[in-house]
Amino acid sequence: MEKKKPTVAVLIPTYRPDQKFLRILKMLQRQTYPVKQLIIINTEEAFWNQEKYEKFSGMEVHHITREAFDHGGTRRQGMRYVRTDICICMTQDAVPADEHLVEYLVAALTEDYRALNDPVAVAYARQLPRRDCGLVERYTRSFNYPARSMVKTADDLPKLGIKTWFCSNVCAAYNMEIYDRLDGFVERAIFNEDMLYAAQMIDAGYAIAYAAKAQVIHSHNYTCRQQFRRNFDLAVSQAEHPEVFAAVSSESEGIRLVKMTFRYLMEQKKPWLVPGLVMQSGAKYLGYRLGKNYRRLPRFLILRFTMNRYYWKE
């Protein structure tokens, strides 16, 4: 008797969705592995144009206010609507690179690592740079998302450190049975809800798969100010969860990335890009250090530094 294929849902939080979101929907329709359920958690109904999406059948939309959005809580809310075996969390700007994204993610969860002692609880996709991506960011993509697949368990903590928990909800597929068993994403998170859950999975004896053949187009050309604010929020999330992040440092991984990027620019004979790398790295580090110590900062500075002002509402 043929084994029943797992069913798949896709969950996407949206805010002022643009043409990239339309491309995502079209690519999801073309997948070789069918998507049974498409769940949208949209922030601010006023920015949702229902007429643009009427041709995409089976899409269920749940509207929330901007004040209600939370990186952890909103995805947790969305996961409650899932009625499938697997749910793929995506962002509204991560476009599937081909028709095989869902197929490869499902395989990583159910087939590729079947011989492992630790069952795979989540598989995340490779992120490829957009055409307009700068050289430094292009290298960062290859650093964080290499061409080779891998699987990570608790045994990798001494070697990989914080990278053991690295997992991105830009595009990640979750085993819903395990998700429900572990109670899923945290209710409140300014950032890093994916890594917080990943650490919980590793601690519970499960594995994380990086599926390099599953690919999405996703990158940003952040300014120094945007890098500062992003890393501020990232560090706040670490400071709020010392039970996860106190035991491992992310600074050494950041320093390694800077050194390797510098070497790459020299190899590419583009030394004029080094000052930009130094400025971006400095902005990241300053934001990170201030975020780690956010409890010592006055509220008006926190509101100036953060990307997520509504997270700090009283």
Protein backbone atom coordinates (compact mmCIF):
# COMPACT_ATOMS: atom_id res chain seq x y z
CA MET A 1 0.00 0.00 0.00
CA GLU A 2 1.39 3.40 -1.00
CA LYS A 3 2.26 5.65 1.91
CA LYS A 4 0.10 8.76 2.23
CA LYS A 5 1.89 11.95 1.21
CA PRO A 6 2.04 14.66 3.90
CA THR A 7 -0.22 17.62 3.30
CA VAL A 8 1.28 21.12 3.19
CA ALA A 9 0.16 24.59 4.23
CA VAL A 10 1.95 27.88 3.61
CA LEU A 11 1.74 30.71 6.15
CA ILE A 12 2.70 34.26 5.15
CA PRO A 13 2.39 37.39 7.32
CA THR A 14 1.88 40.46 5.11
CA TYR A 15 1.97 44.24 5.43
CA ARG A 16 1.30 46.37 2.34
CA PRO A 17 2.01 43.45 -0.01
CA ASP A 18 3.53 44.41 -3.37
CA GLN A 19 4.40 42.78 -6.70
CA LYS A 20 6.82 40.35 -5.04
CA PHE A 21 3.93 38.92 -3.07
CA LEU A 22 1.97 38.38 -6.29
CA ARG A 23 4.97 36.53 -7.74
CA ILE A 24 5.08 34.31 -4.64
CA LEU A 25 1.43 33.37 -5.06
CA LYS A 26 1.94 32.56 -8.75
CA MET A 27 5.00 30.42 -7.99
CA LEU A 28 3.17 28.56 -5.22
CA GLN A 29 0.49 27.65 -7.76
CA ARG A 30 3.17 26.15 -10.02
CA GLN A 31 4.80 23.92 -7.41
CA THR A 32 5.36 20.23 -8.22
CA TYR A 33 4.18 19.39 -4.70
CA PRO A 34 0.66 20.73 -4.02
CA VAL A 35 -0.07 23.36 -1.39
CA LYS A 36 -3.35 22.42 0.27
CA GLN A 37 -3.79 25.47 2.47
CA LEU A 38 -2.57 29.08 2.08
CA ILE A 39 -2.89 31.23 5.19
CA ILE A 40 -2.30 34.98 5.16
CA ILE A 41 -2.06 37.02 8.35
CA ASN A 42 -2.36 40.55 7.03
CA THR A 43 -1.51 43.63 9.06
CA GLU A 44 -4.02 46.47 8.49
CA GLU A 45 -7.02 45.53 6.34
CA ALA A 46 -6.96 48.99 4.69
CA PHE A 47 -3.81 47.98 2.78
CA TRP A 48 -5.26 44.72 1.47
CA ASN A 49 -6.66 44.82 -2.08
CA GLN A 50 -8.93 41.78 -2.32
CA GLU A 51 -9.54 42.24 -6.06
CA LYS A 52 -5.84 41.59 -6.80
CA TYR A 53 -6.01 38.16 -5.18
CA GLU A 54 -9.44 36.83 -6.16
CA LYS A 55 -7.98 34.47 -8.76
CA PHE A 56 -5.91 32.65 -6.11
CA SER A 57 -8.38 30.09 -4.83
CA GLY A 58 -8.11 28.53 -1.40
CA MET A 59 -6.39 31.52 0.20
CA GLU A 60 -7.68 32.41 3.66
CA VAL A 61 -6.92 35.89 4.96
CA HIS A 62 -6.97 36.95 8.62
CA HIS A 63 -6.56 40.66 9.33
CA ILE A 64 -4.86 42.14 12.39
CA THR A 65 -3.96 45.67 13.44
CA ARG A 66 -0.42 46.99 13.33
CA GLU A 67 -0.41 47.22 17.11
CA ALA A 68 -1.24 43.52 17.32
CA PHE A 69 1.65 42.37 15.09
CA ASP A 70 4.42 40.45 16.80
CA HIS A 71 7.11 38.30 15.17
CA GLY A 72 6.35 35.42 17.50
CA GLY A 73 2.69 35.94 18.38
CA THR A 74 1.47 36.61 14.82
CA ARG A 75 3.06 33.43 13.46
CA ARG A 76 1.81 31.52 16.49
CA GLN A 77 -1.69 32.78 15.67
CA GLY A 78 -1.30 31.71 12.06
CA MET A 79 -0.15 28.23 13.00
CA ARG A 80 -3.44 27.71 14.87
CA TYR A 81 -5.25 27.78 11.52
CA VAL A 82 -3.07 25.04 10.01
CA ARG A 83 -4.88 21.79 9.17
CA THR A 84 -2.01 19.98 7.45
CA ASP A 85 0.97 17.78 8.35
CA ILE A 86 3.54 20.39 7.39
CA CYS A 87 3.47 24.19 7.42
CA ILE A 88 5.92 26.34 5.48
CA CYS A 89 6.44 29.77 7.02
CA MET A 90 7.44 32.43 4.49
CA THR A 91 7.79 36.19 4.28
CA GLN A 92 6.06 38.34 1.68
CA ASP A 93 9.34 39.14 -0.12
CA ALA A 94 10.79 35.61 -0.47
CA VAL A 95 9.99 34.41 -4.00
CA PRO A 96 10.37 30.67 -4.78
CA ALA A 97 13.27 30.27 -7.20
CA ASP A 98 11.58 27.41 -9.07
CA GLU A 99 8.71 24.93 -9.00
CA HIS A 100 10.48 22.51 -6.64
CA LEU A 101 10.67 24.56 -3.42
CA VAL A 102 7.87 22.74 -1.59
CA GLU A 103 8.98 19.35 -2.92
CA TYR A 104 12.54 19.75 -1.58
CA LEU A 105 11.41 21.08 1.81
CA VAL A 106 9.00 18.17 2.27
CA ALA A 107 11.75 15.71 1.29
CA ALA A 108 14.11 17.21 3.86
CA LEU A 109 11.48 16.74 6.57
CA THR A 110 10.32 13.26 5.62
CA GLU A 111 12.86 11.42 3.44
CA ASP A 112 16.38 12.83 3.17
CA TYR A 113 17.39 12.23 6.79
CA ARG A 114 15.26 9.24 7.67
CA ALA A 115 18.26 7.34 9.11
CA LEU A 116 18.97 10.00 11.74
CA ASN A 117 18.48 9.19 15.42
CA ASP A 118 17.07 12.71 15.89
CA PRO A 119 13.90 13.29 13.80
CA VAL A 120 13.95 16.44 11.67
CA ALA A 121 11.52 19.01 13.07
CA VAL A 122 12.18 21.88 10.64
CA ALA A 123 13.83 22.33 7.25
CA TYR A 124 14.79 25.79 6.02
CA ALA A 125 15.53 26.94 2.49
CA ARG A 126 18.53 28.51 0.83
CA GLN A 127 18.23 32.26 0.21
CA LEU A 128 19.62 33.48 -3.11
CA PRO A 129 20.40 37.17 -3.74
CA ARG A 130 18.22 39.33 -5.94
CA ARG A 131 19.68 40.81 -9.12
CA ASP A 132 20.10 44.24 -7.52
CA CYS A 133 21.94 42.80 -4.51
CA GLY A 134 25.26 44.49 -3.64
CA LEU A 135 28.48 42.48 -3.59
CA VAL A 136 28.88 42.48 0.21
CA GLU A 137 25.31 41.34 0.81
CA ARG A 138 25.69 38.78 -1.99
CA TYR A 139 28.65 37.28 -0.13
CA THR A 140 26.71 37.34 3.17
CA ARG A 141 23.97 35.27 1.50
CA SER A 142 26.54 32.65 0.45
CA PHE A 143 28.08 32.68 3.94
CA ASN A 144 24.78 32.01 5.71
CA TYR A 145 23.21 29.90 2.94
CA PRO A 146 25.90 27.77 1.24
CA ALA A 147 25.31 25.40 -1.67
CA ARG A 148 25.65 22.28 0.46
CA SER A 149 22.78 20.89 2.55
CA MET A 150 23.34 19.89 6.16
CA VAL A 151 21.55 18.69 9.27
CA LYS A 152 22.19 20.02 12.77
CA THR A 153 21.64 18.38 16.15
CA ALA A 154 22.70 19.01 19.74
CA ASP A 155 25.98 17.22 18.95
CA ASP A 156 26.94 20.20 16.77
CA LEU A 157 26.78 22.82 19.55
CA PRO A 158 30.48 22.57 20.51
CA LYS A 159 31.52 23.02 16.86
CA LEU A 160 28.86 25.35 15.43
CA GLY A 161 27.83 27.31 18.51
CA ILE A 162 24.92 29.67 17.82
CA LYS A 163 24.80 28.55 14.16
CA THR A 164 23.39 25.23 15.41
CA TRP A 165 20.11 27.05 16.04
CA PHE A 166 20.22 29.09 12.86
CA CYS A 167 16.91 28.78 11.02
CA SER A 168 15.01 31.40 9.06
CA ASN A 169 11.27 31.94 8.79
CA VAL A 170 11.93 33.69 5.50
CA CYS A 171 11.25 30.14 4.30
CA ALA A 172 11.11 27.20 6.71
CA ALA A 173 8.94 24.06 6.79
CA TYR A 174 7.72 22.74 10.14
CA ASN A 175 6.55 19.28 11.16
CA MET A 176 3.22 20.23 12.75
CA GLU A 177 3.03 17.21 15.04
CA ILE A 178 6.34 18.19 16.63
CA TYR A 179 5.41 21.87 16.58
CA ASP A 180 2.23 21.22 18.57
CA ARG A 181 4.07 18.91 20.96
CA LEU A 182 6.63 21.64 21.76
CA ASP A 183 4.01 24.43 21.89
CA GLY A 184 5.55 26.28 18.96
CA PHE A 185 6.67 29.89 18.65
CA VAL A 186 6.87 32.15 21.67
CA GLU A 187 3.90 34.45 22.22
CA ARG A 188 6.03 37.59 22.23
CA ALA A 189 9.24 38.20 20.28
CA ILE A 190 10.74 41.32 18.73
CA PHE A 191 12.96 39.13 16.54
CA ASN A 192 14.45 35.64 16.33
CA GLU A 193 11.22 33.70 16.91
CA ASP A 194 12.57 31.07 14.50
CA MET A 195 15.86 30.61 16.39
CA LEU A 196 14.11 30.54 19.76
CA TYR A 197 11.95 27.65 18.59
CA ALA A 198 14.94 26.02 16.90
CA ALA A 199 16.85 26.03 20.18
CA GLN A 200 13.84 24.44 21.86
CA MET A 201 13.76 21.73 19.18
CA ILE A 202 17.45 20.97 19.55
CA ASP A 203 17.11 20.80 23.33
CA ALA A 204 14.18 18.36 22.96
CA GLY A 205 16.29 16.00 20.82
CA TYR A 206 15.16 16.98 17.32
CA ALA A 207 17.21 17.97 14.27
CA ILE A 208 17.23 21.03 11.99
CA ALA A 209 17.77 20.49 8.26
CA TYR A 210 19.19 23.05 5.88
CA ALA A 211 17.81 22.11 2.45
CA ALA A 212 20.09 23.84 -0.07
CA LYS A 213 18.10 22.59 -3.08
CA ALA A 214 14.99 24.37 -1.76
CA GLN A 215 15.61 27.97 -2.84
CA VAL A 216 13.98 31.38 -2.55
CA ILE A 217 15.07 34.74 -3.94
CA HIS A 218 15.52 37.03 -0.96
CA SER A 219 18.01 39.74 -0.06
CA HIS A 220 18.18 43.35 1.13
CA ASN A 221 20.43 46.32 0.44
CA TYR A 222 20.23 47.78 3.95
CA THR A 223 21.67 51.19 4.78
CA CYS A 224 23.93 51.58 7.82
CA ARG A 225 20.98 52.96 9.77
CA GLN A 226 18.80 49.98 8.86
CA GLN A 227 21.60 47.57 9.82
CA PHE A 228 21.95 49.36 13.16
CA ARG A 229 18.23 49.11 13.92
CA ARG A 230 17.95 45.51 12.76
CA ASN A 231 20.87 44.42 14.96
CA PHE A 232 19.49 46.41 17.87
CA ASP A 233 16.28 44.36 17.76
CA LEU A 234 18.21 41.14 17.21
CA ALA A 235 20.24 41.80 20.36
CA VAL A 236 17.13 42.74 22.34
CA SER A 237 15.68 39.32 21.53
CA GLN A 238 18.87 37.70 22.80
CA ALA A 239 18.89 39.79 25.97
CA GLU A 240 15.26 38.86 26.65
CA HIS A 241 16.02 35.15 26.35
CA PRO A 242 19.21 34.45 28.32
CA GLU A 243 18.02 30.87 28.84
CA VAL A 244 18.80 30.35 25.15
CA PHE A 245 21.53 32.81 24.20
CA ALA A 246 23.59 33.25 27.39
CA ALA A 247 25.49 30.01 26.85
CA VAL A 248 26.72 30.88 23.33
CA SER A 249 28.06 34.06 21.76
CA SER A 250 27.07 35.37 18.34
CA GLU A 251 29.83 38.00 18.26
CA SER A 252 32.54 35.56 17.18
CA GLU A 253 30.41 34.47 14.21
CA GLY A 254 29.91 38.10 13.24
CA ILE A 255 33.64 38.79 13.40
CA ARG A 256 34.33 35.72 11.25
CA LEU A 257 31.87 36.99 8.63
CA VAL A 258 33.57 40.40 8.51
CA LYS A 259 37.04 38.85 8.09
CA MET A 260 35.89 36.48 5.36
CA THR A 261 34.02 39.29 3.55
CA PHE A 262 37.14 41.45 3.64
CA ARG A 263 39.18 38.60 2.18
CA TYR A 264 36.54 38.07 -0.51
CA LEU A 265 36.61 41.74 -1.54
CA MET A 266 40.40 41.57 -1.83
CA GLU A 267 40.17 38.43 -3.96
CA GLN A 268 37.62 40.15 -6.20
CA LYS A 269 40.02 43.13 -6.48
CA LYS A 270 37.40 45.56 -5.15
CA PRO A 271 39.18 47.30 -2.23
CA TRP A 272 37.04 50.43 -2.67
CA LEU A 273 34.16 48.48 -1.13
CA VAL A 274 36.09 47.94 2.13
CA PRO A 275 35.17 51.34 3.71
CA GLY A 276 31.50 50.48 3.16
CA LEU A 277 32.05 47.09 4.80
CA VAL A 278 33.72 48.78 7.78
CA MET A 279 30.86 51.26 8.17
CA GLN A 280 28.18 48.58 7.85
CA SER A 281 29.98 46.31 10.30
CA GLY A 282 30.40 49.16 12.76
CA ALA A 283 26.69 50.00 12.54
CA LYS A 284 25.79 46.35 13.11
CA TYR A 285 28.10 46.04 16.12
CA LEU A 286 26.97 49.31 17.71
CA GLY A 287 23.32 48.34 17.31
CA TYR A 288 24.04 44.89 18.72
CA ARG A 289 25.87 46.21 21.82
CA LEU A 290 23.16 48.78 22.55
CA GLY A 291 20.44 46.17 22.07
CA LYS A 292 22.15 43.80 24.49
CA ASN A 293 22.07 46.58 27.06
CA TYR A 294 18.67 48.02 26.20
CA ARG A 295 17.51 47.87 29.84
CA ARG A 296 19.99 50.64 30.66
CA LEU A 297 18.68 52.94 27.94
CA PRO A 298 15.94 55.56 28.34
CA ARG A 299 12.71 54.77 26.55
CA PHE A 300 13.03 57.59 24.01
CA LEU A 301 16.33 56.13 22.77
CA ILE A 302 14.90 52.62 22.52
CA LEU A 303 12.07 53.98 20.36
CA ARG A 304 14.60 55.72 18.11
CA PHE A 305 16.80 52.63 17.76
CA THR A 306 14.20 49.90 17.22
CA MET A 307 12.64 48.76 13.93
CA ASN A 308 9.54 47.62 15.82
CA ARG A 309 8.13 50.56 17.77
CA TYR A 310 4.83 48.78 18.47
CA TYR A 311 6.69 46.05 20.34
CA TRP A 312 7.39 48.59 23.08
CA LYS A 313 3.80 49.71 23.54
CA GLU A 314 2.76 49.84 27.19
